[in-house]
Amino acid sequence: MNIYSITALQMLAQGDIVFIGRTGEDADLAAGINTPLPPAFFPVGTTFVAADNAEKPCCIVVQNGYFPSHRGMHSVEGMWVKMLSGFDEGTSCSVAPTKEALSLAWITLSDKGARKQREDASGPLIETIVREKYELAYVRGYMIPDEELQLRQLLVDLALHQKFDLILTTGGTGVSPRDVTPEATVKVIDRRLRGVEQAMMATSLKKTPHAVVSRAIAGTLGTSLIVNMPGSTKAVAENLEVVLPAFGHTIAKLQGDPADCGN
């Protein structure tokens, strides 16, 4: 188990969201962490607990990225964390990273939704349904327009930089001119999971013949599972019901679980 030391460079209160860079890089940061170089990134949903007391959480990672340096032209690599306990200025704590529950990102594709002309129900429903099946360490939702490049960039960031376990999109899987979710997804995934796609199609066809026009894609990128969902709440619920039970096993194997699949 790797042990790190987090040093508070200012007063940190429970509930604060602060940036942690590498110790010594910039004295104006909220806190520093002594990590090997590079990188200083941990998957979102990673919780740092006291090294001598696993029941005492320190903070949880909610974002990875870069913070402008106050001492030069470079930026500091690090992470934003939500404090789960307080720190006095100048104090340090030895911590160990742990991540047992899943992290979920959902993305709603909707031009009207992005313009705040339509309330999104499908995205929050995804979170509700997934949470009923799995323990979730961290969840973040996005509403973006039906723009292929924007979705591609977001999927890459969520999978390769933030390292979300599960990324589910909703909307944009049909044949309308602005339906570009499958095009964006297939251009970034490493491996396609046609079995997931076929299971969702078979389920939807039991409800409506219009399901044949769905072009939803499922696949992996890095250590993340990415699946396109339809746009309606009814279809989201129907599709998740059939494929959700396999997600936990899929993510575990994707991230290197050595157990035999038959066990």
C-alpha atoms as a PDB file:
ATOM      1  CA  MET A   1       0.000   0.000   0.000  1.00  0.00           C
ATOM      2  CA  ASN A   2       1.410   3.380  -1.039  1.00  0.00           C
ATOM      3  CA  ILE A   3       1.569   6.019   1.678  1.00  0.00           C
ATOM      4  CA  TYR A   4       1.582   9.736   0.887  1.00  0.00           C
ATOM      5  CA  SER A   5       1.844  12.862   2.999  1.00  0.00           C
ATOM      6  CA  ILE A   6      -0.624  15.704   2.470  1.00  0.00           C
ATOM      7  CA  THR A   7       0.384  19.096   3.853  1.00  0.00           C
ATOM      8  CA  ALA A   8      -2.152  21.891   4.374  1.00  0.00           C
ATOM      9  CA  LEU A   9      -0.742  25.204   3.142  1.00  0.00           C
ATOM     10  CA  GLN A  10      -3.787  27.048   4.482  1.00  0.00           C
ATOM     11  CA  MET A  11      -6.725  26.277   6.745  1.00  0.00           C
ATOM     12  CA  LEU A  12      -8.838  23.530   5.168  1.00  0.00           C
ATOM     13  CA  ALA A  13     -12.376  22.917   6.414  1.00  0.00           C
ATOM     14  CA  GLN A  14     -14.571  19.863   5.943  1.00  0.00           C
ATOM     15  CA  GLY A  15     -16.548  20.262   2.722  1.00  0.00           C
ATOM     16  CA  ASP A  16     -14.019  22.576   1.053  1.00  0.00           C
ATOM     17  CA  ILE A  17     -13.039  21.744  -2.526  1.00  0.00           C
ATOM     18  CA  VAL A  18      -9.346  22.556  -2.906  1.00  0.00           C
ATOM     19  CA  PHE A  19      -6.507  21.960  -5.365  1.00  0.00           C
ATOM     20  CA  ILE A  20      -3.642  19.741  -4.272  1.00  0.00           C
ATOM     21  CA  GLY A  21      -0.405  19.936  -6.237  1.00  0.00           C
ATOM     22  CA  ARG A  22       2.919  18.293  -5.595  1.00  0.00           C
ATOM     23  CA  THR A  23       4.567  19.422  -2.359  1.00  0.00           C
ATOM     24  CA  GLY A  24       6.969  22.277  -2.917  1.00  0.00           C
ATOM     25  CA  GLU A  25       5.803  23.252  -6.396  1.00  0.00           C
ATOM     26  CA  ASP A  26       3.860  26.347  -5.450  1.00  0.00           C
ATOM     27  CA  ALA A  27       3.436  27.798  -1.971  1.00  0.00           C
ATOM     28  CA  ASP A  28       0.188  29.530  -2.989  1.00  0.00           C
ATOM     29  CA  LEU A  29      -1.672  26.230  -3.417  1.00  0.00           C
ATOM     30  CA  ALA A  30      -4.171  25.072  -0.833  1.00  0.00           C
ATOM     31  CA  ALA A  31      -2.272  21.875  -0.114  1.00  0.00           C
ATOM     32  CA  GLY A  32       0.583  19.744  -1.395  1.00  0.00           C
ATOM     33  CA  ILE A  33       1.058  16.004  -1.781  1.00  0.00           C
ATOM     34  CA  ASN A  34       4.397  14.227  -2.046  1.00  0.00           C
ATOM     35  CA  THR A  35       3.831  11.946  -5.052  1.00  0.00           C
ATOM     36  CA  PRO A  36       6.399  10.426  -7.395  1.00  0.00           C
ATOM     37  CA  LEU A  37       6.905  12.247 -10.712  1.00  0.00           C
ATOM     38  CA  PRO A  38       4.955  11.936 -12.946  1.00  0.00           C
ATOM     39  CA  PRO A  39       1.991  11.985 -12.508  1.00  0.00           C
ATOM     40  CA  ALA A  40       0.096  13.356  -9.545  1.00  0.00           C
ATOM     41  CA  PHE A  41      -3.239  12.071 -10.811  1.00  0.00           C
ATOM     42  CA  PHE A  42      -5.508   9.591  -9.041  1.00  0.00           C
ATOM     43  CA  PRO A  43      -8.841   8.371 -10.485  1.00  0.00           C
ATOM     44  CA  VAL A  44     -11.851  10.441  -9.468  1.00  0.00           C
ATOM     45  CA  GLY A  45     -13.598   8.778  -6.554  1.00  0.00           C
ATOM     46  CA  THR A  46     -10.290   7.886  -4.909  1.00  0.00           C
ATOM     47  CA  THR A  47     -10.500   8.500  -1.164  1.00  0.00           C
ATOM     48  CA  PHE A  48      -7.435   9.277   0.908  1.00  0.00           C
ATOM     49  CA  VAL A  49      -7.712   7.796   4.397  1.00  0.00           C
ATOM     50  CA  ALA A  50      -5.391   8.164   7.377  1.00  0.00           C
ATOM     51  CA  ALA A  51      -2.585   5.626   7.014  1.00  0.00           C
ATOM     52  CA  ASP A  52      -2.980   4.562  10.650  1.00  0.00           C
ATOM     53  CA  ASN A  53      -6.797   4.516  10.612  1.00  0.00           C
ATOM     54  CA  ALA A  54      -8.682   3.348   7.514  1.00  0.00           C
ATOM     55  CA  GLU A  55     -11.938   4.551   9.117  1.00  0.00           C
ATOM     56  CA  LYS A  56     -10.743   8.170   9.079  1.00  0.00           C
ATOM     57  CA  PRO A  57     -11.192   9.682   5.578  1.00  0.00           C
ATOM     58  CA  CYS A  58      -9.241  12.784   4.654  1.00  0.00           C
ATOM     59  CA  CYS A  59     -10.506  13.780   1.203  1.00  0.00           C
ATOM     60  CA  ILE A  60     -11.914  12.417  -2.066  1.00  0.00           C
ATOM     61  CA  VAL A  61     -10.682  13.208  -5.590  1.00  0.00           C
ATOM     62  CA  VAL A  62     -13.296  14.998  -7.719  1.00  0.00           C
ATOM     63  CA  GLN A  63     -11.217  16.342 -10.633  1.00  0.00           C
ATOM     64  CA  ASN A  64      -7.765  16.024 -12.173  1.00  0.00           C
ATOM     65  CA  GLY A  65      -6.039  18.786 -14.062  1.00  0.00           C
ATOM     66  CA  TYR A  66      -3.696  21.739 -13.938  1.00  0.00           C
ATOM     67  CA  PHE A  67      -3.643  24.908 -11.859  1.00  0.00           C
ATOM     68  CA  PRO A  68      -1.906  28.148 -12.972  1.00  0.00           C
ATOM     69  CA  SER A  69       1.319  28.745 -11.058  1.00  0.00           C
ATOM     70  CA  HIS A  70       1.669  32.033  -9.166  1.00  0.00           C
ATOM     71  CA  ARG A  71       5.448  31.856  -9.404  1.00  0.00           C
ATOM     72  CA  GLY A  72       6.061  31.476 -13.122  1.00  0.00           C
ATOM     73  CA  MET A  73       4.686  30.622 -16.532  1.00  0.00           C
ATOM     74  CA  HIS A  74       4.162  26.908 -15.910  1.00  0.00           C
ATOM     75  CA  SER A  75       1.048  25.188 -14.551  1.00  0.00           C
ATOM     76  CA  VAL A  76       0.986  22.798 -11.610  1.00  0.00           C
ATOM     77  CA  GLU A  77      -0.283  19.257 -12.144  1.00  0.00           C
ATOM     78  CA  GLY A  78      -2.597  17.948  -9.473  1.00  0.00           C
ATOM     79  CA  MET A  79      -6.160  17.296  -8.411  1.00  0.00           C
ATOM     80  CA  TRP A  80      -9.163  18.959  -6.867  1.00  0.00           C
ATOM     81  CA  VAL A  81     -10.408  17.155  -3.775  1.00  0.00           C
ATOM     82  CA  LYS A  82     -13.378  17.527  -1.474  1.00  0.00           C
ATOM     83  CA  MET A  83     -12.212  17.653   2.128  1.00  0.00           C
ATOM     84  CA  LEU A  84     -13.844  15.018   4.323  1.00  0.00           C
ATOM     85  CA  SER A  85     -12.100  16.318   7.449  1.00  0.00           C
ATOM     86  CA  GLY A  86     -10.469  19.600   8.443  1.00  0.00           C
ATOM     87  CA  PHE A  87      -6.775  20.499   8.503  1.00  0.00           C
ATOM     88  CA  ASP A  88      -5.060  23.332  10.349  1.00  0.00           C
ATOM     89  CA  GLU A  89      -2.616  25.397   8.316  1.00  0.00           C
ATOM     90  CA  GLY A  90       0.827  23.818   8.249  1.00  0.00           C
ATOM     91  CA  THR A  91      -0.254  20.380   9.441  1.00  0.00           C
ATOM     92  CA  SER A  92       0.530  17.154   7.605  1.00  0.00           C
ATOM     93  CA  CYS A  93      -1.148  13.765   7.533  1.00  0.00           C
ATOM     94  CA  SER A  94       0.061  10.425   6.199  1.00  0.00           C
ATOM     95  CA  VAL A  95      -2.646   9.011   3.961  1.00  0.00           C
ATOM     96  CA  ALA A  96      -3.323   5.968   1.775  1.00  0.00           C
ATOM     97  CA  PRO A  97      -5.448   6.064  -1.412  1.00  0.00           C
ATOM     98  CA  THR A  98      -8.352   3.659  -1.625  1.00  0.00           C
ATOM     99  CA  LYS A  99     -11.129   3.168  -4.163  1.00  0.00           C
ATOM    100  CA  GLU A 100     -13.662   0.410  -3.669  1.00  0.00           C
ATOM    101  CA  ALA A 101     -16.858   1.878  -5.144  1.00  0.00           C
ATOM    102  CA  LEU A 102     -17.469   2.897  -8.757  1.00  0.00           C
ATOM    103  CA  SER A 103     -17.287   6.365 -10.260  1.00  0.00           C
ATOM    104  CA  LEU A 104     -19.992   7.334 -12.770  1.00  0.00           C
ATOM    105  CA  ALA A 105     -20.176  10.107 -15.337  1.00  0.00           C
ATOM    106  CA  TRP A 106     -23.350  10.630 -17.328  1.00  0.00           C
ATOM    107  CA  ILE A 107     -23.638  12.875 -20.373  1.00  0.00           C
ATOM    108  CA  THR A 108     -26.892  14.138 -21.842  1.00  0.00           C
ATOM    109  CA  LEU A 109     -26.706  15.179 -25.509  1.00  0.00           C
ATOM    110  CA  SER A 110     -29.364  17.769 -26.287  1.00  0.00           C
ATOM    111  CA  ASP A 111     -29.248  21.071 -28.161  1.00  0.00           C
ATOM    112  CA  LYS A 112     -32.389  22.287 -26.397  1.00  0.00           C
ATOM    113  CA  GLY A 113     -31.158  21.064 -23.044  1.00  0.00           C
ATOM    114  CA  ALA A 114     -27.842  22.846 -23.464  1.00  0.00           C
ATOM    115  CA  ARG A 115     -29.792  26.042 -24.207  1.00  0.00           C
ATOM    116  CA  LYS A 116     -31.882  25.408 -21.067  1.00  0.00           C
ATOM    117  CA  GLN A 117     -35.026  25.047 -23.191  1.00  0.00           C
ATOM    118  CA  ARG A 118     -35.692  21.509 -21.956  1.00  0.00           C
ATOM    119  CA  GLU A 119     -35.307  19.935 -18.536  1.00  0.00           C
ATOM    120  CA  ASP A 120     -33.086  16.869 -18.495  1.00  0.00           C
ATOM    121  CA  ALA A 121     -34.671  13.802 -16.918  1.00  0.00           C
ATOM    122  CA  SER A 122     -32.660  11.005 -18.539  1.00  0.00           C
ATOM    123  CA  GLY A 123     -29.268  11.941 -17.099  1.00  0.00           C
ATOM    124  CA  PRO A 124     -30.402  12.050 -13.454  1.00  0.00           C
ATOM    125  CA  LEU A 125     -32.381   8.830 -14.048  1.00  0.00           C
ATOM    126  CA  ILE A 126     -29.166   7.088 -15.114  1.00  0.00           C
ATOM    127  CA  GLU A 127     -27.595   7.989 -11.777  1.00  0.00           C
ATOM    128  CA  THR A 128     -30.645   6.816  -9.845  1.00  0.00           C
ATOM    129  CA  ILE A 129     -30.778   3.435 -11.581  1.00  0.00           C
ATOM    130  CA  VAL A 130     -27.029   2.762 -11.389  1.00  0.00           C
ATOM    131  CA  ARG A 131     -26.969   3.716  -7.703  1.00  0.00           C
ATOM    132  CA  GLU A 132     -29.668   1.124  -6.991  1.00  0.00           C
ATOM    133  CA  LYS A 133     -27.337  -1.601  -8.310  1.00  0.00           C
ATOM    134  CA  TYR A 134     -23.852  -0.416  -7.344  1.00  0.00           C
ATOM    135  CA  GLU A 135     -22.197   1.589  -4.606  1.00  0.00           C
ATOM    136  CA  LEU A 136     -20.950   4.831  -6.141  1.00  0.00           C
ATOM    137  CA  ALA A 137     -17.929   6.720  -4.859  1.00  0.00           C
ATOM    138  CA  TYR A 138     -18.459   9.766  -7.047  1.00  0.00           C
ATOM    139  CA  VAL A 139     -20.923  10.917  -9.735  1.00  0.00           C
ATOM    140  CA  ARG A 140     -20.812  13.828 -12.137  1.00  0.00           C
ATOM    141  CA  GLY A 141     -23.328  14.794 -14.820  1.00  0.00           C
ATOM    142  CA  TYR A 142     -22.966  16.847 -17.999  1.00  0.00           C
ATOM    143  CA  MET A 143     -25.380  18.489 -20.408  1.00  0.00           C
ATOM    144  CA  ILE A 144     -23.865  19.357 -23.790  1.00  0.00           C
ATOM    145  CA  PRO A 145     -25.195  20.139 -27.285  1.00  0.00           C
ATOM    146  CA  ASP A 146     -25.173  17.558 -30.068  1.00  0.00           C
ATOM    147  CA  GLU A 147     -21.639  18.413 -31.157  1.00  0.00           C
ATOM    148  CA  GLU A 148     -19.411  15.510 -32.158  1.00  0.00           C
ATOM    149  CA  LEU A 149     -16.049  17.148 -31.400  1.00  0.00           C
ATOM    150  CA  GLN A 150     -17.209  18.366 -27.996  1.00  0.00           C
ATOM    151  CA  LEU A 151     -18.406  14.883 -27.060  1.00  0.00           C
ATOM    152  CA  ARG A 152     -15.202  13.252 -28.286  1.00  0.00           C
ATOM    153  CA  GLN A 153     -13.093  15.631 -26.206  1.00  0.00           C
ATOM    154  CA  LEU A 154     -15.248  15.068 -23.132  1.00  0.00           C
ATOM    155  CA  LEU A 155     -15.163  11.275 -23.441  1.00  0.00           C
ATOM    156  CA  VAL A 156     -11.369  11.287 -23.717  1.00  0.00           C
ATOM    157  CA  ASP A 157     -10.999  13.548 -20.688  1.00  0.00           C
ATOM    158  CA  LEU A 158     -13.428  11.548 -18.544  1.00  0.00           C
ATOM    159  CA  ALA A 159     -11.837   8.211 -19.460  1.00  0.00           C
ATOM    160  CA  LEU A 160      -8.124   8.955 -19.725  1.00  0.00           C
ATOM    161  CA  HIS A 161      -7.611  11.947 -17.414  1.00  0.00           C
ATOM    162  CA  GLN A 162     -10.373  11.694 -14.822  1.00  0.00           C
ATOM    163  CA  LYS A 163     -10.475   7.873 -15.104  1.00  0.00           C
ATOM    164  CA  PHE A 164     -14.192   7.386 -14.447  1.00  0.00           C
ATOM    165  CA  ASP A 165     -15.115   3.702 -14.247  1.00  0.00           C
ATOM    166  CA  LEU A 166     -18.435   4.050 -16.071  1.00  0.00           C
ATOM    167  CA  ILE A 167     -19.434   6.689 -18.630  1.00  0.00           C
ATOM    168  CA  LEU A 168     -23.012   6.615 -19.926  1.00  0.00           C
ATOM    169  CA  THR A 169     -24.365   8.953 -22.574  1.00  0.00           C
ATOM    170  CA  THR A 170     -28.029   9.581 -23.299  1.00  0.00           C
ATOM    171  CA  GLY A 171     -29.437  11.009 -26.517  1.00  0.00           C
ATOM    172  CA  GLY A 172     -28.212  11.430 -30.070  1.00  0.00           C
ATOM    173  CA  THR A 173     -28.321   7.750 -31.086  1.00  0.00           C
ATOM    174  CA  GLY A 174     -30.923   8.003 -33.855  1.00  0.00           C
ATOM    175  CA  VAL A 175     -30.774   9.181 -37.465  1.00  0.00           C
ATOM    176  CA  SER A 176     -31.671  12.855 -37.166  1.00  0.00           C
ATOM    177  CA  PRO A 177     -29.114  15.221 -38.732  1.00  0.00           C
ATOM    178  CA  ARG A 178     -27.842  16.276 -35.273  1.00  0.00           C
ATOM    179  CA  ASP A 179     -27.591  12.717 -33.872  1.00  0.00           C
ATOM    180  CA  VAL A 180     -23.811  12.285 -33.674  1.00  0.00           C
ATOM    181  CA  THR A 181     -23.272  10.387 -30.418  1.00  0.00           C
ATOM    182  CA  PRO A 182     -22.328   7.058 -32.084  1.00  0.00           C
ATOM    183  CA  GLU A 183     -19.894   8.782 -34.470  1.00  0.00           C
ATOM    184  CA  ALA A 184     -18.139  10.511 -31.581  1.00  0.00           C
ATOM    185  CA  THR A 185     -18.029   7.372 -29.458  1.00  0.00           C
ATOM    186  CA  VAL A 186     -16.723   4.941 -32.068  1.00  0.00           C
ATOM    187  CA  LYS A 187     -13.858   7.325 -32.911  1.00  0.00           C
ATOM    188  CA  VAL A 188     -12.448   7.290 -29.363  1.00  0.00           C
ATOM    189  CA  ILE A 189     -13.051   3.797 -27.966  1.00  0.00           C
ATOM    190  CA  ASP A 190     -10.315   1.153 -27.934  1.00  0.00           C
ATOM    191  CA  ARG A 191     -12.567  -1.912 -28.173  1.00  0.00           C
ATOM    192  CA  ARG A 192     -16.211  -2.266 -29.131  1.00  0.00           C
ATOM    193  CA  LEU A 193     -18.618  -4.360 -27.039  1.00  0.00           C
ATOM    194  CA  ARG A 194     -21.188  -5.544 -29.549  1.00  0.00           C
ATOM    195  CA  GLY A 195     -22.813  -7.878 -27.035  1.00  0.00           C
ATOM    196  CA  VAL A 196     -23.921  -4.884 -24.949  1.00  0.00           C
ATOM    197  CA  GLU A 197     -25.279  -3.205 -28.079  1.00  0.00           C
ATOM    198  CA  GLN A 198     -27.151  -6.345 -29.155  1.00  0.00           C
ATOM    199  CA  ALA A 199     -28.671  -6.861 -25.715  1.00  0.00           C
ATOM    200  CA  MET A 200     -30.028  -3.312 -25.683  1.00  0.00           C
ATOM    201  CA  MET A 201     -31.366  -3.666 -29.216  1.00  0.00           C
ATOM    202  CA  ALA A 202     -33.133  -6.949 -28.403  1.00  0.00           C
ATOM    203  CA  THR A 203     -34.746  -5.401 -25.339  1.00  0.00           C
ATOM    204  CA  SER A 204     -35.892  -2.294 -27.198  1.00  0.00           C
ATOM    205  CA  LEU A 205     -37.355  -4.304 -30.081  1.00  0.00           C
ATOM    206  CA  LYS A 206     -39.709  -5.990 -27.633  1.00  0.00           C
ATOM    207  CA  LYS A 207     -41.179  -2.546 -26.948  1.00  0.00           C
ATOM    208  CA  THR A 208     -41.203  -0.840 -30.345  1.00  0.00           C
ATOM    209  CA  PRO A 209     -40.194  -1.600 -33.958  1.00  0.00           C
ATOM    210  CA  HIS A 210     -38.640   1.880 -34.086  1.00  0.00           C
ATOM    211  CA  ALA A 211     -35.752   0.510 -32.042  1.00  0.00           C
ATOM    212  CA  VAL A 212     -34.144  -0.723 -35.267  1.00  0.00           C
ATOM    213  CA  VAL A 213     -32.936   2.810 -36.033  1.00  0.00           C
ATOM    214  CA  SER A 214     -30.908   3.072 -32.830  1.00  0.00           C
ATOM    215  CA  ARG A 215     -27.165   3.221 -33.472  1.00  0.00           C
ATOM    216  CA  ALA A 216     -25.986   3.079 -29.848  1.00  0.00           C
ATOM    217  CA  ILE A 217     -22.336   2.123 -29.368  1.00  0.00           C
ATOM    218  CA  ALA A 218     -20.687   0.410 -26.383  1.00  0.00           C
ATOM    219  CA  GLY A 219     -16.971   0.017 -25.828  1.00  0.00           C
ATOM    220  CA  THR A 220     -13.931   0.638 -23.674  1.00  0.00           C
ATOM    221  CA  LEU A 221     -11.429   3.486 -23.509  1.00  0.00           C
ATOM    222  CA  GLY A 222      -8.487   3.028 -21.193  1.00  0.00           C
ATOM    223  CA  THR A 223      -9.960   1.544 -18.032  1.00  0.00           C
ATOM    224  CA  SER A 224     -13.416   3.059 -18.608  1.00  0.00           C
ATOM    225  CA  LEU A 225     -16.603   1.447 -19.900  1.00  0.00           C
ATOM    226  CA  ILE A 226     -18.560   3.729 -22.258  1.00  0.00           C
ATOM    227  CA  VAL A 227     -22.141   2.974 -23.322  1.00  0.00           C
ATOM    228  CA  ASN A 228     -24.575   5.066 -25.374  1.00  0.00           C
ATOM    229  CA  MET A 229     -28.152   5.149 -24.070  1.00  0.00           C
ATOM    230  CA  PRO A 230     -31.258   6.361 -25.936  1.00  0.00           C
ATOM    231  CA  GLY A 231     -32.647   9.773 -25.102  1.00  0.00           C
ATOM    232  CA  SER A 232     -35.999   8.937 -23.505  1.00  0.00           C
ATOM    233  CA  THR A 233     -36.329   8.044 -19.839  1.00  0.00           C
ATOM    234  CA  LYS A 234     -38.411   4.983 -20.714  1.00  0.00           C
ATOM    235  CA  ALA A 235     -35.746   3.629 -23.062  1.00  0.00           C
ATOM    236  CA  VAL A 236     -32.952   4.426 -20.588  1.00  0.00           C
ATOM    237  CA  ALA A 237     -34.679   2.370 -17.891  1.00  0.00           C
ATOM    238  CA  GLU A 238     -35.397  -0.535 -20.272  1.00  0.00           C
ATOM    239  CA  ASN A 239     -31.863  -0.689 -21.630  1.00  0.00           C
ATOM    240  CA  LEU A 240     -30.123  -0.372 -18.285  1.00  0.00           C
ATOM    241  CA  GLU A 241     -32.256  -3.148 -16.834  1.00  0.00           C
ATOM    242  CA  VAL A 242     -30.760  -5.703 -19.223  1.00  0.00           C
ATOM    243  CA  VAL A 243     -27.087  -4.596 -19.346  1.00  0.00           C
ATOM    244  CA  LEU A 244     -26.444  -3.015 -15.939  1.00  0.00           C
ATOM    245  CA  PRO A 245     -25.870  -6.343 -14.101  1.00  0.00           C
ATOM    246  CA  ALA A 246     -22.850  -7.019 -16.339  1.00  0.00           C
ATOM    247  CA  PHE A 247     -21.178  -3.653 -15.826  1.00  0.00           C
ATOM    248  CA  GLY A 248     -19.494  -4.435 -12.518  1.00  0.00           C
ATOM    249  CA  HIS A 249     -17.839  -7.586 -13.869  1.00  0.00           C
ATOM    250  CA  THR A 250     -16.888  -5.831 -17.118  1.00  0.00           C
ATOM    251  CA  ILE A 251     -15.194  -2.939 -15.318  1.00  0.00           C
ATOM    252  CA  ALA A 252     -13.384  -5.283 -12.939  1.00  0.00           C
ATOM    253  CA  LYS A 253     -11.925  -7.322 -15.813  1.00  0.00           C
ATOM    254  CA  LEU A 254     -11.100  -4.166 -17.756  1.00  0.00           C
ATOM    255  CA  GLN A 255      -9.097  -2.886 -14.801  1.00  0.00           C
ATOM    256  CA  GLY A 256      -7.123  -6.082 -14.370  1.00  0.00           C
ATOM    257  CA  ASP A 257      -9.133  -8.345 -12.063  1.00  0.00           C
ATOM    258  CA  PRO A 258      -7.222 -11.671 -12.197  1.00  0.00           C
ATOM    259  CA  ALA A 259     -10.118 -13.859 -11.000  1.00  0.00           C
ATOM    260  CA  ASP A 260     -11.400 -16.539 -13.358  1.00  0.00           C
ATOM    261  CA  CYS A 261     -14.486 -15.354 -15.222  1.00  0.00           C
ATOM    262  CA  GLY A 262     -16.386 -18.531 -14.334  1.00  0.00           C
ATOM    263  CA  ASN A 263     -16.083 -17.900 -10.583  1.00  0.00           C
END
